[in-house]
Every structure is written in C-alpha cells, then in structure tokens.
Amino acid sequence: MEIRLLHESDAASYWDLRLEALKNHPEAFGSSYEEAIRREKPVEGVKRNLANPDNFTFGAFDGKSLIGMVTLLRESAQKMQHRGNIYAMYVQHQYGGKGIGTSLMEAAIQQARSLEGLEQLNLSVVTSNDSANNLYRKLGFSVFGTEKHALKIGDLYVDEHHMVLFL
C-alpha cells in the first residue's frame, strides 16, 4: 500500500474513484453523482485542482490502482488562511478496516502541520457514519456543531457533525 500526493497525471483515476464514491454513498457527500456526470471536461477540472498550490489530495494505491483519497484545501481568504478543510474522504469498501483511512488522514494532517500559519482543520461528516466519526475522533477531531438536515436526498434528510482539529 502506498500513500502519496496525487499529481495531474492521476486526474482520470481520481475522477473514476470520485464517481464511484458519489454513486455508492450519496449520503456522504455534498456533491451528487448526477451533477458530477454532467460536468464538462471533469478530468481537466481535476487536473486544475491538483495543480492548485493550496490543494493537497492524497491517494492510497494498491499497486497501480487508486483505492482511497482525501483532500486538504487551505482557505484562501486573508482572514481564513489559518484554516484548512478536509474533503472527499473515501476508501473503497473492500479495503475498509485495513487502516487506509487512518493513513490518508494522517498524511493530510502531517501536510497541514507543515503549512506555515495553518492552525486548524475542519471537516463535516454524516452523523450516522460511525466508522468515519470514530476515525476522526481517534485522530483528535472534536464536534463543534451538528447540522440537522444538512443534506437532502430525495425525501431523506441527512444530519452532519462539523468537526475541528486544532493543530
């Protein structure tokens, strides 16, 4: 298993994994699969994101296959540059329980700690996702708020915890 920063050359693999995540777990992401597949030139957009110096997307690889990912994005506004956000955390189901999510998050946290002036990491997680909630708590994140009906999928509402890790 290899954990590393993704590069522009990984954009197509990232996009495929992102679509899988959105399709298989619509409750876990603010974006929808239906919106994602309608994007024009999505791989080009991923390449731009991966080239952004304030965007750090880590991938977990089994051989040459991308099987997990997480993104750390630093806020760009002057008053918020002390904050980073964790987005798009996903590990393929068949690799669950092997510590890959922990390794991805540890890579993102280590990167965050290396960034001058970055003081905290924020993330949102579905309240019903026990494994993700436990992982984030184990890594030192704490809940600072819970948003009822944060997402709506058809007639189903999903609540989210907002969590922070002070670096």
N, C-alpha and C. Protein backbone atom coordinates (compact mmCIF):
# COMPACT_ATOMS: atom_id res chain seq x y z
N MET A 1 0.85 -1.18 0.00
CA MET A 1 0.00 0.00 0.00
C MET A 1 0.88 1.23 0.00
N GLU A 2 0.58 2.17 -0.88
CA GLU A 2 1.34 3.41 -0.97
C GLU A 2 0.38 4.58 -0.78
N ILE A 3 0.77 5.54 0.05
CA ILE A 3 0.03 6.79 0.23
C ILE A 3 0.91 7.89 -0.33
N ARG A 4 0.37 8.70 -1.25
CA ARG A 4 1.16 9.79 -1.81
C ARG A 4 0.24 10.90 -2.32
N LEU A 5 0.85 12.07 -2.50
CA LEU A 5 0.13 13.18 -3.12
C LEU A 5 -0.22 12.81 -4.55
N LEU A 6 -1.40 13.17 -4.98
CA LEU A 6 -1.78 12.94 -6.36
C LEU A 6 -1.25 14.07 -7.23
N HIS A 7 -0.94 13.72 -8.46
CA HIS A 7 -0.43 14.66 -9.46
C HIS A 7 -1.44 14.75 -10.60
N GLU A 8 -1.20 15.69 -11.47
CA GLU A 8 -2.11 15.88 -12.61
C GLU A 8 -2.28 14.58 -13.40
N SER A 9 -1.25 13.77 -13.46
CA SER A 9 -1.32 12.50 -14.20
C SER A 9 -2.28 11.51 -13.54
N ASP A 10 -2.69 11.76 -12.31
CA ASP A 10 -3.63 10.90 -11.59
C ASP A 10 -5.08 11.34 -11.76
N ALA A 11 -5.31 12.39 -12.53
CA ALA A 11 -6.64 13.01 -12.59
C ALA A 11 -7.73 12.04 -13.04
N ALA A 12 -7.48 11.24 -14.05
CA ALA A 12 -8.51 10.33 -14.54
C ALA A 12 -8.84 9.27 -13.49
N SER A 13 -7.84 8.74 -12.83
CA SER A 13 -8.07 7.75 -11.77
C SER A 13 -8.85 8.37 -10.63
N TYR A 14 -8.49 9.60 -10.26
CA TYR A 14 -9.21 10.31 -9.20
C TYR A 14 -10.68 10.46 -9.60
N TRP A 15 -10.93 10.91 -10.82
CA TRP A 15 -12.30 11.15 -11.25
C TRP A 15 -13.12 9.87 -11.21
N ASP A 16 -12.55 8.76 -11.66
CA ASP A 16 -13.25 7.49 -11.61
C ASP A 16 -13.61 7.11 -10.18
N LEU A 17 -12.66 7.29 -9.25
CA LEU A 17 -12.91 6.94 -7.85
C LEU A 17 -13.93 7.89 -7.24
N ARG A 18 -13.87 9.15 -7.62
CA ARG A 18 -14.83 10.14 -7.12
C ARG A 18 -16.25 9.77 -7.56
N LEU A 19 -16.42 9.40 -8.82
CA LEU A 19 -17.74 8.98 -9.30
C LEU A 19 -18.23 7.76 -8.53
N GLU A 20 -17.35 6.80 -8.29
CA GLU A 20 -17.72 5.62 -7.51
C GLU A 20 -18.20 6.02 -6.13
N ALA A 21 -17.47 6.92 -5.48
CA ALA A 21 -17.84 7.37 -4.13
C ALA A 21 -19.22 8.03 -4.15
N LEU A 22 -19.44 8.93 -5.10
CA LEU A 22 -20.71 9.64 -5.18
C LEU A 22 -21.87 8.70 -5.48
N LYS A 23 -21.64 7.72 -6.33
CA LYS A 23 -22.70 6.78 -6.70
C LYS A 23 -23.04 5.83 -5.56
N ASN A 24 -22.00 5.31 -4.88
CA ASN A 24 -22.21 4.29 -3.85
C ASN A 24 -22.59 4.87 -2.50
N HIS A 25 -22.25 6.13 -2.25
CA HIS A 25 -22.51 6.75 -0.94
C HIS A 25 -23.03 8.18 -1.10
N PRO A 26 -24.21 8.33 -1.69
CA PRO A 26 -24.73 9.68 -1.93
C PRO A 26 -24.94 10.48 -0.65
N GLU A 27 -25.16 9.78 0.47
CA GLU A 27 -25.39 10.45 1.75
C GLU A 27 -24.14 11.08 2.34
N ALA A 28 -22.97 10.71 1.83
CA ALA A 28 -21.72 11.12 2.45
C ALA A 28 -21.09 12.36 1.82
N PHE A 29 -21.65 12.85 0.73
CA PHE A 29 -21.00 13.95 0.01
C PHE A 29 -22.01 15.02 -0.36
N GLY A 30 -21.57 16.26 -0.35
CA GLY A 30 -22.43 17.36 -0.75
C GLY A 30 -22.72 17.37 -2.24
N SER A 31 -21.79 16.85 -3.03
CA SER A 31 -22.00 16.74 -4.47
C SER A 31 -22.80 15.49 -4.78
N SER A 32 -23.49 15.50 -5.90
CA SER A 32 -24.24 14.32 -6.29
C SER A 32 -23.62 13.68 -7.54
N TYR A 33 -23.84 12.40 -7.68
CA TYR A 33 -23.37 11.67 -8.85
C TYR A 33 -23.99 12.27 -10.12
N GLU A 34 -25.28 12.58 -10.05
CA GLU A 34 -25.99 13.11 -11.21
C GLU A 34 -25.39 14.44 -11.67
N GLU A 35 -25.05 15.31 -10.74
CA GLU A 35 -24.40 16.58 -11.10
C GLU A 35 -23.01 16.33 -11.66
N ALA A 36 -22.28 15.41 -11.04
CA ALA A 36 -20.90 15.15 -11.43
C ALA A 36 -20.80 14.65 -12.87
N ILE A 37 -21.68 13.73 -13.26
CA ILE A 37 -21.57 13.17 -14.61
C ILE A 37 -21.98 14.17 -15.69
N ARG A 38 -22.62 15.28 -15.32
CA ARG A 38 -22.99 16.31 -16.29
C ARG A 38 -21.90 17.37 -16.47
N ARG A 39 -20.84 17.30 -15.67
CA ARG A 39 -19.78 18.31 -15.79
C ARG A 39 -19.08 18.21 -17.14
N GLU A 40 -18.74 19.37 -17.67
CA GLU A 40 -17.96 19.40 -18.91
C GLU A 40 -16.49 19.25 -18.57
N LYS A 41 -15.82 18.37 -19.26
CA LYS A 41 -14.38 18.14 -19.11
C LYS A 41 -13.98 17.99 -17.64
N PRO A 42 -14.57 17.04 -16.92
CA PRO A 42 -14.29 16.92 -15.49
C PRO A 42 -12.84 16.57 -15.17
N VAL A 43 -12.20 15.77 -16.01
CA VAL A 43 -10.80 15.41 -15.73
C VAL A 43 -9.91 16.63 -15.83
N GLU A 44 -10.22 17.55 -16.75
CA GLU A 44 -9.46 18.80 -16.85
C GLU A 44 -9.62 19.63 -15.57
N GLY A 45 -10.84 19.63 -15.02
CA GLY A 45 -11.08 20.33 -13.76
C GLY A 45 -10.29 19.72 -12.61
N VAL A 46 -10.23 18.40 -12.58
CA VAL A 46 -9.45 17.71 -11.56
C VAL A 46 -7.97 18.07 -11.70
N LYS A 47 -7.48 18.11 -12.93
CA LYS A 47 -6.08 18.49 -13.16
C LYS A 47 -5.79 19.88 -12.60
N ARG A 48 -6.71 20.82 -12.84
CA ARG A 48 -6.54 22.18 -12.31
C ARG A 48 -6.50 22.16 -10.78
N ASN A 49 -7.41 21.39 -10.18
CA ASN A 49 -7.44 21.30 -8.71
C ASN A 49 -6.15 20.71 -8.17
N LEU A 50 -5.67 19.67 -8.82
CA LEU A 50 -4.44 19.01 -8.34
C LEU A 50 -3.22 19.91 -8.52
N ALA A 51 -3.29 20.86 -9.44
CA ALA A 51 -2.18 21.80 -9.65
C ALA A 51 -2.24 23.01 -8.72
N ASN A 52 -3.36 23.19 -8.02
CA ASN A 52 -3.54 24.32 -7.10
C ASN A 52 -2.59 24.15 -5.91
N PRO A 53 -1.74 25.16 -5.63
CA PRO A 53 -0.76 25.01 -4.55
C PRO A 53 -1.36 24.95 -3.15
N ASP A 54 -2.63 25.31 -2.98
CA ASP A 54 -3.30 25.22 -1.69
C ASP A 54 -4.17 23.98 -1.56
N ASN A 55 -4.10 23.08 -2.55
CA ASN A 55 -4.90 21.87 -2.59
C ASN A 55 -3.95 20.67 -2.52
N PHE A 56 -4.15 19.82 -1.54
CA PHE A 56 -3.31 18.64 -1.36
C PHE A 56 -4.24 17.42 -1.34
N THR A 57 -4.23 16.65 -2.40
CA THR A 57 -5.05 15.46 -2.47
C THR A 57 -4.14 14.25 -2.39
N PHE A 58 -4.38 13.44 -1.37
CA PHE A 58 -3.60 12.23 -1.16
C PHE A 58 -4.38 11.04 -1.67
N GLY A 59 -3.65 10.10 -2.25
CA GLY A 59 -4.26 8.88 -2.73
C GLY A 59 -3.62 7.67 -2.07
N ALA A 60 -4.43 6.63 -1.90
CA ALA A 60 -3.95 5.34 -1.43
C ALA A 60 -3.97 4.41 -2.63
N PHE A 61 -2.86 3.73 -2.86
CA PHE A 61 -2.72 2.87 -4.03
C PHE A 61 -2.46 1.44 -3.59
N ASP A 62 -3.14 0.53 -4.25
CA ASP A 62 -2.85 -0.90 -4.16
C ASP A 62 -2.26 -1.24 -5.52
N GLY A 63 -0.94 -1.35 -5.57
CA GLY A 63 -0.28 -1.46 -6.86
C GLY A 63 -0.46 -0.15 -7.60
N LYS A 64 -1.03 -0.22 -8.80
CA LYS A 64 -1.27 0.99 -9.58
C LYS A 64 -2.71 1.50 -9.46
N SER A 65 -3.52 0.79 -8.67
CA SER A 65 -4.94 1.14 -8.54
C SER A 65 -5.16 2.12 -7.39
N LEU A 66 -5.81 3.24 -7.70
CA LEU A 66 -6.19 4.21 -6.68
C LEU A 66 -7.42 3.66 -5.96
N ILE A 67 -7.29 3.45 -4.64
CA ILE A 67 -8.38 2.81 -3.89
C ILE A 67 -8.89 3.69 -2.74
N GLY A 68 -8.26 4.84 -2.54
CA GLY A 68 -8.71 5.74 -1.49
C GLY A 68 -8.16 7.13 -1.74
N MET A 69 -8.81 8.13 -1.13
CA MET A 69 -8.39 9.52 -1.35
C MET A 69 -8.90 10.42 -0.23
N VAL A 70 -8.22 11.53 -0.09
CA VAL A 70 -8.67 12.60 0.80
C VAL A 70 -8.03 13.90 0.33
N THR A 71 -8.75 15.00 0.47
CA THR A 71 -8.25 16.31 0.05
C THR A 71 -8.17 17.25 1.23
N LEU A 72 -7.06 17.95 1.33
CA LEU A 72 -6.85 19.05 2.26
C LEU A 72 -6.80 20.32 1.43
N LEU A 73 -7.67 21.25 1.73
CA LEU A 73 -7.72 22.52 1.00
C LEU A 73 -7.59 23.66 2.00
N ARG A 74 -6.57 24.47 1.80
CA ARG A 74 -6.39 25.63 2.67
C ARG A 74 -7.28 26.76 2.19
N GLU A 75 -7.89 27.46 3.14
CA GLU A 75 -8.70 28.63 2.81
C GLU A 75 -7.80 29.70 2.20
N SER A 76 -8.32 30.43 1.22
CA SER A 76 -7.50 31.43 0.54
C SER A 76 -7.76 32.86 1.02
N ALA A 77 -8.95 33.13 1.58
CA ALA A 77 -9.25 34.48 2.05
C ALA A 77 -8.32 34.85 3.21
N GLN A 78 -7.85 36.07 3.23
CA GLN A 78 -6.86 36.52 4.20
C GLN A 78 -7.25 36.20 5.64
N LYS A 79 -8.50 36.43 6.01
CA LYS A 79 -8.94 36.22 7.38
C LYS A 79 -9.17 34.76 7.72
N MET A 80 -9.10 33.88 6.71
CA MET A 80 -9.36 32.46 6.96
C MET A 80 -8.19 31.55 6.60
N GLN A 81 -7.05 32.13 6.28
CA GLN A 81 -5.91 31.32 5.88
C GLN A 81 -5.35 30.46 7.00
N HIS A 82 -5.81 30.67 8.21
CA HIS A 82 -5.38 29.83 9.33
C HIS A 82 -6.16 28.52 9.36
N ARG A 83 -7.13 28.37 8.44
CA ARG A 83 -7.99 27.18 8.43
C ARG A 83 -7.77 26.35 7.18
N GLY A 84 -7.86 25.05 7.37
CA GLY A 84 -7.87 24.12 6.25
C GLY A 84 -9.12 23.27 6.36
N ASN A 85 -9.52 22.67 5.26
CA ASN A 85 -10.71 21.83 5.23
C ASN A 85 -10.36 20.47 4.64
N ILE A 86 -10.96 19.45 5.21
CA ILE A 86 -10.82 18.09 4.70
C ILE A 86 -12.07 17.79 3.89
N TYR A 87 -11.86 17.32 2.65
CA TYR A 87 -12.95 17.00 1.75
C TYR A 87 -12.72 15.63 1.10
N ALA A 88 -13.79 15.09 0.57
CA ALA A 88 -13.75 13.95 -0.36
C ALA A 88 -13.00 12.74 0.18
N MET A 89 -13.15 12.46 1.47
CA MET A 89 -12.53 11.27 2.06
C MET A 89 -13.29 10.05 1.60
N TYR A 90 -12.57 9.08 1.05
CA TYR A 90 -13.22 7.86 0.56
C TYR A 90 -12.19 6.75 0.43
N VAL A 91 -12.58 5.57 0.88
CA VAL A 91 -11.80 4.34 0.68
C VAL A 91 -12.78 3.29 0.16
N GLN A 92 -12.38 2.59 -0.88
CA GLN A 92 -13.24 1.55 -1.44
C GLN A 92 -13.62 0.55 -0.36
N HIS A 93 -14.86 0.10 -0.43
CA HIS A 93 -15.43 -0.76 0.61
C HIS A 93 -14.58 -2.00 0.90
N GLN A 94 -14.08 -2.64 -0.13
CA GLN A 94 -13.33 -3.88 0.07
C GLN A 94 -11.99 -3.65 0.78
N TYR A 95 -11.57 -2.40 0.92
CA TYR A 95 -10.33 -2.08 1.63
C TYR A 95 -10.60 -1.51 3.02
N GLY A 96 -11.85 -1.47 3.41
CA GLY A 96 -12.20 -0.94 4.73
C GLY A 96 -11.63 -1.79 5.85
N GLY A 97 -11.35 -1.15 6.97
CA GLY A 97 -10.86 -1.85 8.15
C GLY A 97 -9.39 -2.22 8.10
N LYS A 98 -8.67 -1.70 7.12
CA LYS A 98 -7.25 -2.03 6.97
C LYS A 98 -6.33 -0.86 7.35
N GLY A 99 -6.91 0.21 7.90
CA GLY A 99 -6.11 1.36 8.32
C GLY A 99 -5.79 2.35 7.21
N ILE A 100 -6.39 2.16 6.05
CA ILE A 100 -6.10 3.05 4.91
C ILE A 100 -6.65 4.45 5.16
N GLY A 101 -7.86 4.54 5.68
CA GLY A 101 -8.43 5.84 6.01
C GLY A 101 -7.58 6.58 7.02
N THR A 102 -7.09 5.85 8.02
CA THR A 102 -6.20 6.45 9.02
C THR A 102 -4.94 6.98 8.35
N SER A 103 -4.34 6.18 7.49
CA SER A 103 -3.11 6.60 6.81
C SER A 103 -3.34 7.82 5.93
N LEU A 104 -4.45 7.86 5.22
CA LEU A 104 -4.76 9.02 4.40
C LEU A 104 -4.92 10.27 5.25
N MET A 105 -5.69 10.15 6.32
CA MET A 105 -5.91 11.30 7.20
C MET A 105 -4.62 11.75 7.87
N GLU A 106 -3.79 10.81 8.28
CA GLU A 106 -2.51 11.17 8.90
C GLU A 106 -1.62 11.92 7.90
N ALA A 107 -1.65 11.53 6.64
CA ALA A 107 -0.88 12.25 5.62
C ALA A 107 -1.40 13.68 5.47
N ALA A 108 -2.71 13.83 5.45
CA ALA A 108 -3.30 15.17 5.32
C ALA A 108 -2.98 16.03 6.55
N ILE A 109 -3.06 15.44 7.73
CA ILE A 109 -2.76 16.19 8.96
C ILE A 109 -1.29 16.58 9.00
N GLN A 110 -0.43 15.67 8.61
CA GLN A 110 1.01 15.98 8.58
C GLN A 110 1.28 17.12 7.60
N GLN A 111 0.64 17.08 6.44
CA GLN A 111 0.79 18.16 5.46
C GLN A 111 0.29 19.48 6.06
N ALA A 112 -0.85 19.44 6.72
CA ALA A 112 -1.41 20.65 7.33
C ALA A 112 -0.45 21.23 8.36
N ARG A 113 0.15 20.39 9.16
CA ARG A 113 1.09 20.87 10.18
C ARG A 113 2.33 21.49 9.58
N SER A 114 2.65 21.13 8.33
CA SER A 114 3.85 21.68 7.68
C SER A 114 3.59 23.03 7.03
N LEU A 115 2.34 23.45 6.96
CA LEU A 115 1.99 24.70 6.29
C LEU A 115 2.03 25.85 7.29
N GLU A 116 2.89 26.80 7.02
CA GLU A 116 3.06 27.94 7.92
C GLU A 116 1.73 28.68 8.10
N GLY A 117 1.38 28.91 9.36
CA GLY A 117 0.19 29.68 9.68
C GLY A 117 -1.10 28.90 9.72
N LEU A 118 -1.07 27.63 9.32
CA LEU A 118 -2.29 26.82 9.38
C LEU A 118 -2.48 26.34 10.81
N GLU A 119 -3.62 26.66 11.40
CA GLU A 119 -3.86 26.39 12.81
C GLU A 119 -4.94 25.35 13.09
N GLN A 120 -5.83 25.12 12.13
CA GLN A 120 -6.92 24.20 12.40
C GLN A 120 -7.40 23.55 11.12
N LEU A 121 -7.96 22.35 11.29
CA LEU A 121 -8.59 21.61 10.19
C LEU A 121 -10.06 21.42 10.52
N ASN A 122 -10.92 21.65 9.55
CA ASN A 122 -12.35 21.46 9.70
C ASN A 122 -12.81 20.37 8.73
N LEU A 123 -13.85 19.68 9.12
CA LEU A 123 -14.49 18.71 8.23
C LEU A 123 -15.93 18.53 8.65
N SER A 124 -16.71 17.96 7.76
CA SER A 124 -18.10 17.59 8.05
C SER A 124 -18.25 16.12 7.75
N VAL A 125 -19.04 15.45 8.60
CA VAL A 125 -19.24 14.01 8.45
C VAL A 125 -20.67 13.67 8.82
N VAL A 126 -21.26 12.78 8.06
CA VAL A 126 -22.62 12.33 8.32
C VAL A 126 -22.68 11.72 9.73
N THR A 127 -23.66 12.11 10.50
CA THR A 127 -23.75 11.64 11.89
C THR A 127 -23.89 10.13 11.99
N SER A 128 -24.47 9.50 10.99
CA SER A 128 -24.71 8.05 11.04
C SER A 128 -23.51 7.22 10.58
N ASN A 129 -22.45 7.87 10.11
CA ASN A 129 -21.27 7.14 9.63
C ASN A 129 -20.33 6.90 10.82
N ASP A 130 -20.62 5.83 11.56
CA ASP A 130 -19.87 5.55 12.79
C ASP A 130 -18.39 5.34 12.55
N SER A 131 -18.02 4.63 11.49
CA SER A 131 -16.59 4.36 11.27
C SER A 131 -15.84 5.66 11.00
N ALA A 132 -16.40 6.56 10.21
CA ALA A 132 -15.73 7.84 9.94
C ALA A 132 -15.69 8.70 11.20
N ASN A 133 -16.79 8.77 11.92
CA ASN A 133 -16.81 9.56 13.16
C ASN A 133 -15.77 9.04 14.15
N ASN A 134 -15.67 7.72 14.28
CA ASN A 134 -14.67 7.14 15.19
C ASN A 134 -13.26 7.44 14.74
N LEU A 135 -13.01 7.35 13.44
CA LEU A 135 -11.69 7.66 12.90
C LEU A 135 -11.30 9.10 13.22
N TYR A 136 -12.18 10.03 12.94
CA TYR A 136 -11.86 11.44 13.15
C TYR A 136 -11.64 11.74 14.64
N ARG A 137 -12.44 11.16 15.49
CA ARG A 137 -12.25 11.35 16.94
C ARG A 137 -10.91 10.76 17.39
N LYS A 138 -10.58 9.58 16.88
CA LYS A 138 -9.31 8.93 17.21
C LYS A 138 -8.12 9.82 16.83
N LEU A 139 -8.27 10.58 15.75
CA LEU A 139 -7.20 11.45 15.28
C LEU A 139 -7.19 12.82 15.96
N GLY A 140 -8.13 13.04 16.88
CA GLY A 140 -8.13 14.27 17.66
C GLY A 140 -9.17 15.30 17.27
N PHE A 141 -9.99 15.03 16.28
CA PHE A 141 -11.07 15.96 15.91
C PHE A 141 -12.16 15.92 16.97
N SER A 142 -12.82 17.05 17.17
CA SER A 142 -13.95 17.10 18.08
C SER A 142 -15.11 17.82 17.40
N VAL A 143 -16.32 17.44 17.78
CA VAL A 143 -17.53 18.03 17.21
C VAL A 143 -17.73 19.42 17.80
N PHE A 144 -17.96 20.41 16.94
CA PHE A 144 -18.29 21.75 17.44
C PHE A 144 -19.70 22.15 17.06
N GLY A 145 -20.37 21.28 16.32
CA GLY A 145 -21.77 21.55 15.98
C GLY A 145 -22.35 20.43 15.16
N THR A 146 -23.66 20.31 15.23
CA THR A 146 -24.37 19.32 14.44
C THR A 146 -25.44 20.04 13.65
N GLU A 147 -25.43 19.82 12.35
CA GLU A 147 -26.40 20.47 11.48
C GLU A 147 -27.48 19.47 11.10
N LYS A 148 -28.69 19.73 11.54
CA LYS A 148 -29.83 18.91 11.17
C LYS A 148 -30.19 19.19 9.71
N HIS A 149 -30.53 18.15 9.00
CA HIS A 149 -30.96 18.28 7.60
C HIS A 149 -29.91 18.98 6.75
N ALA A 150 -28.65 18.66 6.97
CA ALA A 150 -27.57 19.28 6.20
C ALA A 150 -27.67 18.94 4.71
N LEU A 151 -28.09 17.72 4.41
CA LEU A 151 -28.26 17.29 3.03
C LEU A 151 -29.66 16.71 2.87
N LYS A 152 -30.19 16.82 1.66
CA LYS A 152 -31.48 16.22 1.34
C LYS A 152 -31.32 15.41 0.06
N ILE A 153 -31.61 14.12 0.18
CA ILE A 153 -31.52 13.21 -0.96
C ILE A 153 -32.91 12.64 -1.18
N GLY A 154 -33.58 13.12 -2.20
CA GLY A 154 -34.98 12.76 -2.38
C GLY A 154 -35.78 13.28 -1.20
N ASP A 155 -36.43 12.39 -0.47
CA ASP A 155 -37.18 12.77 0.72
C ASP A 155 -36.43 12.51 2.01
N LEU A 156 -35.20 12.06 1.90
CA LEU A 156 -34.39 11.70 3.06
C LEU A 156 -33.47 12.85 3.45
N TYR A 157 -33.48 13.21 4.74
CA TYR A 157 -32.58 14.22 5.26
C TYR A 157 -31.40 13.53 5.96
N VAL A 158 -30.24 14.13 5.84
CA VAL A 158 -29.02 13.62 6.46
C VAL A 158 -28.44 14.71 7.35
N ASP A 159 -28.14 14.35 8.59
CA ASP A 159 -27.52 15.28 9.53
C ASP A 159 -26.00 15.14 9.47
N GLU A 160 -25.29 16.23 9.75
CA GLU A 160 -23.83 16.21 9.74
C GLU A 160 -23.25 16.80 11.01
N HIS A 161 -22.17 16.20 11.47
CA HIS A 161 -21.34 16.80 12.50
C HIS A 161 -20.30 17.68 11.83
N HIS A 162 -20.06 18.83 12.40
CA HIS A 162 -18.96 19.68 11.98
C HIS A 162 -17.87 19.49 13.03
N MET A 163 -16.67 19.14 12.55
CA MET A 163 -15.59 18.79 13.47
C MET A 163 -14.37 19.66 13.20
N VAL A 164 -13.54 19.80 14.25
CA VAL A 164 -12.32 20.61 14.14
C VAL A 164 -11.17 19.88 14.84
N LEU A 165 -10.00 20.07 14.28
CA LEU A 165 -8.76 19.62 14.91
C LEU A 165 -7.86 20.84 14.97
N PHE A 166 -7.51 21.26 16.20
CA PHE A 166 -6.59 22.38 16.36
C PHE A 166 -5.18 21.83 16.30
N LEU A 167 -4.40 22.38 15.38
CA LEU A 167 -3.05 21.87 15.14
C LEU A 167 -2.06 22.43 16.14
